[in-house]
Protein backbone atom coordinates (compact mmCIF):
# COMPACT_ATOMS: atom_id res chain seq x y z
CA MET A 1 18.35 -7.70 -19.70
CA LYS A 2 18.77 -7.28 -15.54
CA ARG A 3 17.58 -10.06 -13.71
CA THR A 4 15.39 -10.10 -10.44
CA ALA A 5 15.14 -12.62 -7.83
CA LYS A 6 12.12 -13.49 -6.43
CA ILE A 7 12.00 -14.90 -2.47
CA ARG A 8 8.69 -16.19 -1.86
CA ASN A 9 6.41 -13.28 -3.21
CA ILE A 10 8.78 -10.68 -3.09
CA VAL A 11 10.54 -9.44 -6.11
CA LEU A 12 14.13 -8.03 -5.79
CA GLY A 13 15.41 -5.69 -8.21
CA GLU A 14 12.32 -4.08 -9.26
CA GLY A 15 10.95 -0.92 -7.73
CA ARG A 16 11.88 0.24 -4.37
CA PRO A 17 14.15 -1.55 -2.11
CA LYS A 18 12.50 -4.44 -0.24
CA ILE A 19 12.69 -4.06 3.53
CA CYS A 20 14.45 -6.66 5.13
CA VAL A 21 13.39 -6.95 9.62
CA PRO A 22 16.36 -8.92 11.13
CA VAL A 23 15.49 -11.23 14.25
CA THR A 24 18.29 -11.50 16.68
CA GLY A 25 16.69 -13.69 19.61
CA VAL A 26 19.01 -15.95 21.61
CA SER A 27 16.64 -18.59 22.98
CA TYR A 28 13.82 -20.57 20.92
CA GLU A 29 11.11 -19.01 22.92
CA ASP A 30 12.47 -15.32 22.41
CA ILE A 31 12.65 -15.95 18.66
CA VAL A 32 9.46 -17.26 18.15
CA SER A 33 7.96 -14.49 19.85
CA GLN A 34 9.77 -11.98 17.95
CA MET A 35 8.39 -13.65 14.82
CA GLU A 36 4.77 -13.43 16.28
CA LYS A 37 5.18 -9.75 16.62
CA ILE A 38 6.81 -9.07 13.57
CA TYR A 39 4.06 -11.34 11.80
CA ARG A 40 1.44 -9.42 13.93
CA ASP A 41 2.49 -5.98 13.71
CA TYR A 42 4.84 -5.64 10.48
CA ARG A 43 2.98 -7.48 8.04
CA GLN A 44 2.21 -3.95 6.01
CA ILE A 45 6.26 -3.06 6.41
CA ALA A 46 8.61 -6.02 6.33
CA ASP A 47 9.03 -7.70 2.91
CA ILE A 48 11.39 -10.16 4.39
CA ILE A 49 12.10 -11.53 7.93
CA GLU A 50 16.00 -12.09 8.38
CA LEU A 51 16.44 -14.94 10.77
CA ARG A 52 20.05 -14.37 12.25
CA ILE A 53 20.69 -18.06 13.82
CA ASP A 54 24.52 -16.83 15.01
CA PHE A 55 22.58 -15.48 17.97
CA PHE A 56 20.41 -18.73 18.57
CA GLU A 57 21.96 -20.23 21.40
CA GLU A 58 21.34 -23.68 20.41
CA VAL A 59 22.03 -23.14 16.99
CA PHE A 60 25.17 -25.98 16.60
CA ASP A 61 22.19 -28.68 17.77
CA ASN A 62 20.81 -29.49 14.48
CA GLU A 63 17.38 -31.41 15.88
CA ARG A 64 16.74 -27.75 17.73
CA LEU A 65 17.58 -25.68 14.70
CA SER A 66 15.42 -27.80 12.48
CA GLY A 67 12.67 -27.24 15.64
CA LEU A 68 12.97 -23.84 15.56
CA LEU A 69 12.81 -23.35 11.74
CA LYS A 70 9.31 -25.30 11.98
CA SER A 71 8.18 -22.78 14.75
CA VAL A 72 9.58 -19.90 12.80
CA ARG A 73 7.43 -20.74 9.93
CA GLN A 74 4.26 -21.71 11.89
CA ALA A 75 4.53 -17.86 13.21
CA ILE A 76 5.36 -15.92 10.18
CA GLY A 77 2.66 -17.78 7.71
CA ASP A 78 3.53 -16.95 4.01
CA MET A 79 5.97 -14.10 4.76
CA ALA A 80 9.52 -14.58 3.32
CA LEU A 81 12.23 -15.80 5.53
CA LEU A 82 15.88 -15.37 5.16
CA LEU A 83 18.37 -17.27 7.29
CA THR A 84 21.62 -16.09 7.74
CA PHE A 85 24.52 -17.34 9.97
CA ARG A 86 26.67 -14.14 10.21
CA THR A 87 30.20 -15.48 11.23
CA LYS A 88 32.45 -13.69 14.09
CA ARG A 89 35.07 -11.77 11.42
CA GLU A 90 31.99 -10.56 9.70
CA GLY A 91 30.60 -9.02 12.79
CA GLY A 92 28.55 -12.22 13.59
CA GLU A 93 28.35 -13.55 17.70
CA LYS A 94 29.81 -16.98 16.76
CA GLU A 95 33.08 -18.51 15.52
CA ILE A 96 32.53 -21.60 12.71
CA SER A 97 34.39 -23.72 10.90
CA PRO A 98 33.48 -23.86 6.91
CA GLU A 99 32.19 -27.34 7.51
CA LYS A 100 29.77 -26.70 10.16
CA TYR A 101 28.49 -23.36 8.33
CA MET A 102 27.92 -25.70 4.82
CA GLU A 103 25.85 -28.08 7.61
CA LEU A 104 23.77 -25.44 8.46
CA ILE A 105 22.99 -23.96 5.39
CA LYS A 106 22.42 -26.96 3.72
CA LEU A 107 20.03 -28.50 6.76
CA SER A 108 18.42 -25.21 6.54
CA ILE A 109 17.55 -25.61 2.90
CA ASP A 110 16.54 -28.88 3.17
CA SER A 111 13.81 -27.83 5.58
CA ASP A 112 11.64 -26.24 3.22
CA MET A 113 10.89 -23.48 5.84
CA ILE A 114 13.46 -20.81 4.26
CA ASP A 115 13.19 -19.16 1.33
CA GLY A 116 16.64 -17.53 1.02
CA ALA A 117 20.06 -17.73 2.58
CA ASP A 118 22.80 -15.49 3.09
CA VAL A 119 26.05 -16.72 2.62
CA GLU A 120 29.13 -14.95 2.90
CA ALA A 121 31.43 -14.80 -0.22
CA PHE A 122 34.69 -14.78 1.29
CA PHE A 123 34.26 -17.21 4.16
CA ASP A 124 35.76 -20.23 2.00
CA ASP A 125 36.65 -20.20 -1.74
CA ASN A 126 34.29 -22.63 -2.38
CA ILE A 127 31.19 -22.46 0.11
CA LEU A 128 29.18 -19.36 -2.12
CA LYS A 129 29.57 -21.79 -5.10
CA ASP A 130 28.53 -24.91 -3.52
CA VAL A 131 25.70 -23.39 -1.53
CA SER A 132 24.45 -21.88 -4.64
CA ASP A 133 24.89 -25.42 -6.67
CA TYR A 134 22.93 -26.99 -3.96
CA SER A 135 20.07 -24.81 -3.69
CA LYS A 136 19.05 -25.07 -7.35
CA GLY A 137 15.60 -26.16 -8.05
CA LYS A 138 14.60 -26.00 -4.24
CA ASN A 139 12.94 -22.47 -4.05
CA VAL A 140 15.71 -20.99 -1.98
CA ILE A 141 17.64 -17.63 -3.32
CA ILE A 142 21.25 -17.19 -2.28
CA ILE A 143 22.32 -13.95 -1.55
CA GLY A 144 26.22 -13.55 -1.70
CA SER A 145 27.21 -11.33 1.00
CA ASN A 146 30.33 -9.55 2.49
CA HIS A 147 30.70 -6.84 5.33
CA ASP A 148 33.52 -5.10 6.44
CA PHE A 149 33.28 -3.26 9.72
CA GLU A 150 36.44 -1.14 9.51
CA LYS A 151 36.58 0.57 6.46
CA THR A 152 35.38 1.43 2.78
CA PRO A 153 37.22 0.03 0.35
CA GLU A 154 37.76 1.67 -2.76
CA LYS A 155 35.16 1.61 -5.88
CA SER A 156 36.95 -0.84 -7.88
CA GLU A 157 37.51 -3.18 -4.85
CA ILE A 158 33.73 -2.97 -4.20
CA VAL A 159 32.75 -3.87 -7.58
CA ARG A 160 35.43 -6.72 -7.77
CA ARG A 161 33.79 -8.54 -4.77
CA LEU A 162 30.17 -8.06 -5.90
CA LYS A 163 30.95 -9.57 -9.41
CA ILE A 164 32.53 -12.47 -7.61
CA MET A 165 29.65 -13.14 -5.73
CA GLU A 166 28.04 -13.09 -9.24
CA GLU A 167 30.42 -15.67 -10.82
CA ARG A 168 30.00 -18.09 -7.67
CA GLY A 169 26.61 -18.22 -8.24
CA ALA A 170 24.74 -15.84 -5.96
CA ASP A 171 21.37 -14.53 -6.98
CA ILE A 172 21.88 -11.06 -5.35
CA ALA A 173 25.09 -9.84 -4.69
CA LYS A 174 25.67 -7.53 -1.12
CA ILE A 175 27.99 -5.79 0.23
CA ALA A 176 28.10 -3.48 3.45
CA VAL A 177 30.95 -1.18 4.52
CA MET A 178 31.80 0.85 7.41
CA PRO A 179 32.69 5.07 6.30
CA LYS A 180 34.96 7.06 7.87
CA SER A 181 33.79 10.10 5.84
CA LYS A 182 31.36 11.71 3.52
CA MET A 183 33.46 10.68 1.03
CA ASP A 184 33.36 6.91 1.68
CA VAL A 185 30.02 7.12 1.59
CA ALA A 186 29.98 8.60 -2.04
CA GLU A 187 32.74 6.06 -2.70
CA LEU A 188 29.98 3.09 -1.50
CA ILE A 189 27.02 4.64 -3.70
CA THR A 190 29.50 5.24 -7.04
CA ALA A 191 30.69 1.50 -6.60
CA LEU A 192 26.81 0.82 -6.58
CA CYS A 193 25.75 2.62 -9.39
CA GLU A 194 28.81 0.78 -11.41
CA ALA A 195 27.97 -2.81 -10.16
CA ASP A 196 24.06 -2.00 -10.76
CA GLU A 197 25.34 -1.36 -14.64
CA MET A 198 28.00 -4.10 -14.88
CA LEU A 199 26.04 -7.01 -13.00
CA ASP A 200 23.08 -9.17 -14.49
CA ILE A 201 22.03 -10.05 -11.15
CA PRO A 202 20.70 -7.72 -8.62
CA VAL A 203 22.83 -5.47 -6.07
CA ALA A 204 22.55 -4.59 -2.43
CA ALA A 205 24.96 -2.35 -1.01
CA ILE A 206 25.00 -0.24 2.10
CA SER A 207 27.10 2.51 4.01
CA MET A 208 26.88 1.73 7.90
CA GLY A 209 26.46 3.82 10.58
CA LYS A 210 24.92 7.31 10.95
CA LEU A 211 26.87 8.55 7.99
CA GLY A 212 26.06 5.84 6.02
CA ALA A 213 22.04 6.12 6.30
CA VAL A 214 21.44 7.74 3.02
CA SER A 215 22.58 4.35 1.26
CA ARG A 216 19.61 2.80 3.14
CA ILE A 217 16.89 4.77 1.91
CA ALA A 218 18.28 5.98 -1.47
CA GLY A 219 18.37 2.53 -2.76
CA GLU A 220 15.97 2.69 -5.37
CA VAL A 221 17.88 5.77 -6.90
CA PHE A 222 21.19 4.07 -7.07
CA GLY A 223 20.40 0.77 -7.67
CA SER A 224 20.20 -1.15 -4.49
CA CYS A 225 17.58 -4.12 -4.04
CA LEU A 226 17.51 -4.35 -0.40
CA THR A 227 17.60 -2.42 2.94
CA PHE A 228 17.17 -3.24 6.29
CA GLY A 229 15.19 -1.76 9.09
CA VAL A 230 14.67 -2.67 12.79
CA ALA A 231 11.22 -4.18 14.45
CA ASP A 232 13.38 -5.02 17.93
CA LYS A 233 16.92 -5.07 17.84
CA ALA A 234 19.29 -4.06 15.02
CA SER A 235 21.80 -6.65 13.49
CA ALA A 236 24.01 -4.09 12.12
CA PRO A 237 24.82 -0.34 12.69
CA GLY A 238 22.90 2.26 11.72
CA GLN A 239 19.93 0.22 11.03
CA PRO A 240 16.64 2.61 11.23
CA GLU A 241 13.08 1.70 12.81
CA ALA A 242 11.17 0.06 9.98
CA GLU A 243 8.28 2.23 10.04
CA LYS A 244 10.64 5.32 9.24
CA LEU A 245 12.50 3.27 6.97
CA MET A 246 9.46 2.80 4.74
CA GLU A 247 8.51 6.29 4.77
CA ALA A 248 11.72 7.76 3.82
CA LEU A 249 11.48 4.63 0.91
CA GLU A 250 8.45 6.12 -0.23
CA LEU A 251 9.40 9.86 -0.12
CA LEU A 252 12.45 8.67 -2.62
CA SER A 253 10.69 6.42 -4.74
CA LEU A 254 11.12 6.99 -8.41
CA LYS A 255 7.49 5.29 -9.14
CA ASP A 256 5.27 7.31 -11.74
CA ASN A 257 3.82 8.92 -9.17
CA LYS A 258 0.72 6.52 -8.56
CA GLU A 259 0.58 6.77 -4.99
CA MET A 260 0.62 10.67 -4.63
CA ASP A 261 -2.40 10.18 -7.14
CA VAL A 262 -4.18 7.60 -4.95
CA LYS A 263 -3.87 9.88 -2.14
CA GLU A 264 -5.05 12.70 -3.81
CA LYS A 265 -8.23 10.97 -5.08
CA ASN A 266 -11.41 11.92 -3.05
CA TYR A 267 -12.90 8.01 -1.81
CA LYS A 268 -14.69 9.83 0.84
CA ASN A 269 -17.94 9.88 -0.86
CA GLU A 270 -17.66 6.96 -3.01
CA LYS A 271 -19.19 3.41 -2.24
CA ASN A 272 -17.56 1.56 0.92
CA ILE A 273 -15.40 -1.23 0.07
CA MET A 274 -16.57 -4.45 1.65
CA LEU A 275 -13.98 -6.89 1.81
CA ILE A 276 -15.12 -10.43 1.70
CA GLY A 277 -13.74 -13.81 1.70
CA PHE A 278 -13.00 -16.97 3.87
CA MET A 279 -10.97 -16.30 7.13
CA GLY A 280 -7.29 -15.77 6.45
CA ALA A 281 -7.62 -14.52 2.68
CA GLY A 282 -6.02 -11.22 4.07
CA LYS A 283 -8.95 -9.00 4.57
CA THR A 284 -7.78 -7.25 7.66
CA THR A 285 -4.12 -6.91 6.56
CA VAL A 286 -5.51 -5.54 2.83
CA SER A 287 -7.87 -3.03 4.72
CA ARG A 288 -5.30 -1.68 6.38
CA GLU A 289 -3.25 -1.10 3.22
CA LEU A 290 -6.37 0.60 1.37
CA THR A 291 -6.94 2.80 4.33
CA ARG A 292 -3.48 3.97 4.21
CA LEU A 293 -3.88 4.69 0.73
CA THR A 294 -7.35 6.18 0.42
CA GLY A 295 -7.64 7.86 3.77
CA LYS A 296 -10.86 6.14 3.91
CA SER A 297 -11.91 4.90 7.94
CA GLU A 298 -11.62 1.18 8.42
CA VAL A 299 -13.73 -1.14 10.14
CA ASP A 300 -13.20 -4.55 11.24
CA MET A 301 -16.49 -6.04 11.62
CA ASP A 302 -15.25 -8.48 14.25
CA ALA A 303 -13.44 -5.92 15.99
CA TYR A 304 -16.66 -3.68 15.52
CA ILE A 305 -18.92 -6.07 17.33
CA VAL A 306 -16.47 -7.11 19.85
CA ARG A 307 -15.86 -3.32 20.96
CA ASN A 308 -19.79 -3.03 21.20
CA GLU A 309 -20.95 -6.11 22.71
CA GLY A 310 -18.28 -5.79 25.21
CA ARG A 311 -16.95 -9.89 24.67
CA SER A 312 -15.30 -11.71 22.27
CA ILE A 313 -16.30 -13.87 19.20
CA ASN A 314 -15.63 -17.02 20.81
CA GLU A 315 -17.56 -15.80 23.94
CA ILE A 316 -20.58 -15.05 21.79
CA PHE A 317 -20.18 -18.35 19.62
CA GLU A 318 -19.71 -20.11 22.95
CA LYS A 319 -22.94 -18.76 24.99
CA GLN A 320 -25.25 -17.66 22.17
CA GLY A 321 -24.59 -19.26 18.90
CA GLU A 322 -23.67 -19.01 15.32
CA ALA A 323 -27.26 -17.74 14.62
CA TYR A 324 -26.86 -15.25 17.13
CA PHE A 325 -23.83 -13.96 16.04
CA ARG A 326 -24.53 -13.68 12.50
CA GLN A 327 -27.91 -11.29 13.96
CA LEU A 328 -25.01 -9.18 15.18
CA GLU A 329 -23.41 -9.13 12.05
CA THR A 330 -26.61 -7.85 10.42
CA LYS A 331 -27.46 -5.31 13.09
CA TYR A 332 -24.16 -3.47 13.01
CA LEU A 333 -23.85 -3.54 9.01
CA GLY A 334 -27.29 -1.71 9.01
CA GLU A 335 -25.17 1.20 11.27
CA ILE A 336 -22.29 1.08 9.14
CA GLN A 337 -23.59 1.08 6.07
CA LYS A 338 -25.63 4.83 6.73
CA ASN A 339 -22.52 6.53 5.95
CA SER A 340 -19.62 6.24 3.19
CA GLY A 341 -15.98 6.49 3.09
CA TYR A 342 -15.74 3.08 5.02
CA ILE A 343 -13.51 0.16 3.95
CA VAL A 344 -14.91 -3.01 6.02
CA SER A 345 -13.58 -6.05 6.50
CA CYS A 346 -16.38 -8.66 6.86
CA GLY A 347 -16.30 -11.80 8.75
CA GLY A 348 -15.79 -14.89 6.77
CA GLY A 349 -19.41 -15.88 6.74
CA ALA A 350 -21.13 -12.55 6.96
CA VAL A 351 -22.36 -13.02 3.10
CA LEU A 352 -24.45 -16.45 3.92
CA LYS A 353 -27.21 -14.22 5.09
CA ASP A 354 -29.31 -12.50 2.23
CA GLU A 355 -29.94 -9.46 4.67
CA ASN A 356 -26.43 -8.66 4.89
CA VAL A 357 -25.78 -8.82 1.06
CA ARG A 358 -28.72 -6.55 0.76
CA LEU A 359 -27.00 -3.92 3.25
CA MET A 360 -23.51 -4.31 1.58
CA LYS A 361 -24.97 -3.78 -1.52
CA GLU A 362 -26.95 -0.91 -0.83
CA ASN A 363 -23.76 1.82 -0.46
CA GLY A 364 -20.97 -0.49 -1.05
CA VAL A 365 -19.06 -2.67 -3.89
CA ILE A 366 -18.30 -6.20 -2.61
CA ILE A 367 -14.72 -7.46 -3.11
CA LEU A 368 -13.68 -11.09 -2.62
CA LEU A 369 -10.70 -11.97 -1.60
CA THR A 370 -9.49 -15.37 -2.46
CA ALA A 371 -6.43 -17.64 -1.16
CA THR A 372 -5.73 -21.33 -1.69
CA PRO A 373 -6.64 -23.93 1.21
CA GLU A 374 -2.74 -24.45 1.76
CA THR A 375 -2.27 -20.43 2.09
CA THR A 376 -5.24 -20.02 4.03
CA LEU A 377 -3.76 -22.39 6.75
CA LEU A 378 -0.13 -20.93 6.96
CA ARG A 379 -2.00 -17.48 7.73
CA VAL A 380 -4.55 -18.81 10.14
CA GLN A 381 -2.76 -21.98 12.05
CA ASN A 382 -1.54 -19.48 14.63
CA SER A 383 -4.94 -17.87 15.44
CA LYS A 384 -6.84 -18.31 18.36
CA ASP A 385 -10.02 -16.61 17.11
CA ARG A 386 -11.55 -18.64 14.74
CA PRO A 387 -14.06 -20.27 16.45
CA ILE A 388 -15.31 -22.26 13.57
CA LEU A 389 -11.72 -24.26 12.78
CA ASN A 390 -11.37 -25.01 16.97
CA GLY A 391 -10.40 -28.58 16.63
CA ASN A 392 -10.53 -28.53 12.68
CA MET A 393 -7.28 -26.45 11.70
CA ASN A 394 -6.44 -28.73 8.73
CA ILE A 395 -6.43 -28.75 5.35
CA GLU A 396 -9.16 -31.11 4.86
CA PHE A 397 -11.61 -29.35 6.61
CA ILE A 398 -10.86 -25.77 5.33
CA THR A 399 -11.19 -27.11 1.63
CA GLN A 400 -14.49 -28.55 2.61
CA LEU A 401 -15.62 -25.01 4.14
CA MET A 402 -14.20 -23.24 1.20
CA ASP A 403 -16.21 -25.56 -1.35
CA LYS A 404 -19.18 -24.92 0.46
CA ARG A 405 -19.25 -21.31 0.81
CA LYS A 406 -17.54 -21.03 -2.93
CA ASP A 407 -20.49 -20.41 -4.84
CA ARG A 408 -22.19 -18.08 -2.62
CA TYR A 409 -19.01 -16.07 -2.72
CA LEU A 410 -18.83 -16.02 -6.17
CA GLU A 411 -22.58 -15.29 -6.14
CA VAL A 412 -22.66 -11.77 -4.36
CA ALA A 413 -19.28 -10.39 -5.25
CA ASP A 414 -18.66 -7.48 -7.60
CA ILE A 415 -15.20 -7.79 -7.38
CA ILE A 416 -12.64 -10.57 -7.15
CA VAL A 417 -9.11 -10.24 -6.29
CA GLU A 418 -6.91 -13.48 -6.17
CA THR A 419 -4.21 -12.91 -2.84
CA ASP A 420 -1.90 -15.88 -3.23
CA ASN A 421 1.77 -14.77 -4.15
CA LYS A 422 1.11 -11.36 -4.29
CA ALA A 423 2.51 -8.42 -2.14
CA VAL A 424 -0.13 -6.47 0.15
CA ARG A 425 0.72 -3.46 -1.80
CA ALA A 426 -0.20 -5.17 -5.26
CA ILE A 427 -3.35 -6.68 -3.91
CA ALA A 428 -4.42 -3.16 -2.77
CA ASP A 429 -3.54 -1.33 -6.45
CA GLU A 430 -5.33 -3.94 -8.06
CA ILE A 431 -8.71 -3.60 -5.54
CA LEU A 432 -8.66 0.32 -6.24
CA GLU A 433 -7.83 -0.08 -10.19
CA LYS A 434 -11.36 -2.61 -10.02
CA TYR A 435 -13.13 -0.68 -7.61
CA SER A 436 -12.54 2.84 -9.73
CA LEU A 437 -13.81 1.39 -12.81
CA PHE A 438 -16.80 -0.47 -10.98
CA CYS A 439 -17.92 2.97 -9.56
CA LYS A 440 -17.68 4.73 -13.24
CA LYS A 441 -20.36 2.27 -14.71
């Protein structure tokens, strides 16, 4: 049976190709800024973020690189992070010796900040095997890679290279080549099909440039587990915009029309979906995915209050206190619950008030999203809109607050869904399945 490879909570080698978004910033500040943007704007699209450290101007300063990796992890929370140093000869930005290359990869693995590393299989005869051996037991997957910006090798040569990657211990074998004709694209795709049948590990194969675009979107059909889309700046010729890439992947998906069934189902007249849970449980992100799948209108309670009151949550807390804020929640919940067809992302403390729970259950199904304190801290540590955590951004305080609210959450919830180590789409699918069953009772 063909193996899959798991990078953090993303499984490669099953379903559609996973979308990797590259970050190619030069300065420390630019890289962190790009990471924050992807976390903010692309969490529903990007499965993996690739940090191209060969673009980083201070990459050969180990202390600065270590600091960067920590800052990047803080910026992207629990998203999967792939680290890549692309050498000059394979299209990268800098020259590097095999010894320094190995040193940077090991440093990054030991940092505990990355989830995967791309290693050029033919940079040195021993590097891929040495890194693969070094990564064992460290929760970091290794992608063996090879890039040919000049041509498309013959099918047998492409398959041979991918097979060598497997033999040298890679968890995933990846190749990218440049086509000169449509027959070159066909050669790459044929080689991909053959390698997918032959190898025990997942395979990724890309024909670069505009001519090879089909290889980036048809991976599920031909056996490629990974593709690359642009959020800011492309790292290779022909990378499409991430949003358009997602649309194309869904169009060509081989899944059993599950999403089409979801979209065709009329949720408009059913009870509102009321998402509750501690801050950082994923309510806002999941509500957006549910909106995309069902066509229901999305309402973020905090944003709704801010819009109607004309001031931020922090301002309301500072000037009039939490009790007044809870009164506003009750007022606006009453407005929202007069209608059906909503997905409502509720504030973390909304269910502490009995009147709020009554309003939610009148025309809604309360769905509790859960996450561990560790996951929660990763998700909220960069947020400036969590007044309750001001000065208390730590595991101990979060755990205590969770424990205080846990019984109440469990008491009022109609449905409970765990979010740790799950993709947003998987969480949304689970919610809709349980929600449909609940509504039939």
